[in-house]
Amino acid sequence: MVSQSLTSVFSLVAALATPSSAFFRMTCPGGLVRERADPITDPGAVSPHVHTIAGGNGFGFSMDYEQARNSDCTSCKIKQDLSNYWTPTLYYHAENGSFIDVPQVGDGAGKLGGMTVYYLQRPGPDNDELNAFPEGFRMLAGDPNKRNFTGDFAAEAVSYVCLDYDGTGAGGEWNEFPDHNCPNGVRAQVFFPSCWDGENLDSDDHRSHVAYPESGEYNNGRCPDSHPIHLISLFYETIYDTNIFKDDWYGDGQPFVWSMGDPTGYGYHGDFVNGWDVDVLQDAVDSCTADSGLLEDCDAFDLLDDSECSACMIPPSVDEQITGVLDALPGCNPVTEGPEPAAKVGDCPTAEIGTAATFFTDLTASLGWEYVGCGKDEYNDRTFSAKSTNQADMTVEDCVDFCDGFDFAGLEYGTECYCSDSLPEDRAPKPGLLGNCGMECGGDDGEVCGGAGALSIYHKCGGDECSNVQYGVVGNSTSTSTTSTPSSSSSPSSSSSAPSPPASSGASTEDTSTDESTTTTSSTSDSSDGTDSDSSPSEPDSISTRESYPSPSVSSTDFPPSDSTPETTSTSETPEESGSSVEPESPEEPEGPERPSITSAASTPTPTPTTMITAPSLSSSTMTSTSTSAPSHSQPRPTYYHPWSGNHGVVHEEDGSVPSCS
């Protein structure tokens, strides 16, 4: 691979030294989903390669502005921004041919934090008026098929920084992957075009309606006459923890590859679908002129805390393994080094959009309990305090059996079970939020038992309906749906252990302009014909929520009474009393650099070291699982399932190394 030095090394620094140096920097502490989805280039279909996606949970395989604005949450910090941002996923290509996904710095417990989005006021030499992105606007930057440096502004807009906080000499910036190990990881960067034709919200190639400047620099120049409208500048950066593979380099080249089979780095790209409240964004463009980059210095924004962002996820809907140790990159993506562009692979099997994966156990027919979502808990002020237990072999069935006589059962941290007759409204699951419940149960690695400070909450059914709340992205819409079973049903259990893989539904891959939601049914009904309904329409103007489950205001009186009599005086030792320690908080995500520029390594803050602990593949014997004993500070954290990555993953050893691929 021929190294191409960055041709405009000091351009960004020079631009930021001018009065037009205002910008604001938005972190995305959570990740929405990791999947082969791209509603820009492949609407209504499975995309050719895997993307890591952030932003609003209105994201779908097809989507429009209205759907984005109907999001219930966002994994990024600004409440008024429900846009979606995505980039390809990075893999380590092992010497034996296997591929292993590379964690983003800021991942923590697997929430895909680490992406930072910059909005920069760059008016060019004529001090142009800057405009917010209009409603319905979308664009791409970069070319996934590129395998060489072409020398134009579009090529300069893609770059990599080798992070070296201790100044060992490894640091620097290139337009291709660094050819040596980077002690503190690799920061991938892409700068979007900022000149718009003023007419088209998109174009056939998703690039022609926008342009880089005709002169000056790629990040701050004069717009061409064909694209006279100067937009706020958009820039992504993501840090990858490549250093965990420092002892696994081999041969003459570097070992990392993007999900579209690119080992050069030239094919890196970013996608953007606007979901902003456009008036708020324009206000920020006009009034937020600080050069600190801090969101707190802009009065236009309402900010979310990190826990709200990390709770915003959607489950995958394509049944395939995309993380862990893989024999090949997902899709048909052979590794191609160029310099010619990557060619499309013929006769590639077509993947289908299936029903969304579930992260609960269906007990509606078998035990008469319904899943109501992932709620909050606090160590010193338990959400459910009437009765509790902590056992290493905990299962969802064990917990609801233990809570017999109460209206609610909650599972937390893989091994803990809590009971109560009421659910405080400030701790209740929020509509549309999948939440941070992703730890496998100590006694059943096919079930989910809450998370750190997060409760998988089940309710004892009463009345005629027994319904699980479920989240899905099917076709072109995000929806919150329910699975229903008459509470008197004597049908055999149809256990939908969580997380179950997405089921292939043969869903149409045609693009559609409608905003119709498709929902998933996973429980056993008592229908006379023995069939299960697998879809139901939702309201077209909003993301549907379960009418039978009142949220966010919740108390035991909001639910039909169960048939059992509560054991109001029955208690047992809480985990605190029995010696279990408080669940450790996720490490605070490190801030990125003060601005997107060519900076010395010493000026970049050191991130919190992370060790990637993700879920083992349910179908792979090469994976290992973590301890299922009661949690403590001295033991490995329970294994996490990740709604953003499907039902599979890789466990790194405690020293950060990767298990053998053989």
Foldseek 3Di string as FASTA:
>chain_A
DDFDAQPCAFQVVVQCVDLQNFKAKKWQLFWAFWAQADQFQFALFRHQFIKTKFFFPFFFSHEFQLSLLQGPATSMWFGQFRKMKIWFWKWFQFPVGKTFTFAFFSCFAHRRTFKMKMWGRFCAPVNHDAAAQDGGAKAKQFALQAQDQPPDQSLSQKKKWQFDQPPPPQTDMGSWPRFAHRQQFMKTKGKAFFFAQPPDSADPVRHVRGDAQPDDHSRHHQHDPNRHHGYGIMMMIITTRCCLCNVRDDDRGGGMATLLQHNTNSRIMMIITGNGPRVLVSQCSPPRSDNQNHPVSGPSGDTDDNQRSSQNYFFAFWFDFQHAIGSGRPHPHHHDNDNPTDDDDPPTDGTFGFWGWWAAKDCCQPPQKAWQAKWFADPVGGQAAQAKDFFLQDDPVVQVVVQPQEFKWWFEQQTMIGGHNKGALNGGDAPNGRGDFFFAHSNDNQHTGGYARMIRMMGRADDQKGKYWGWTHGRSGTATDIAIEGNPHNDDWQISHPRDFGDGDVDDSDRDPFQWDWAAYRGFYPDPVRDDDGTDTDDRSHHDHDPLADPSHIISVSHHDHPHHHPRNDYDDHCVRVPFDRDDDRDDFDDFASDPHSDDSNRTDRTDDDAHAAAAAPPDPQADFARSHRDHPVGDRGHTYDSNRGRHYHGAPPVRHGGDSD
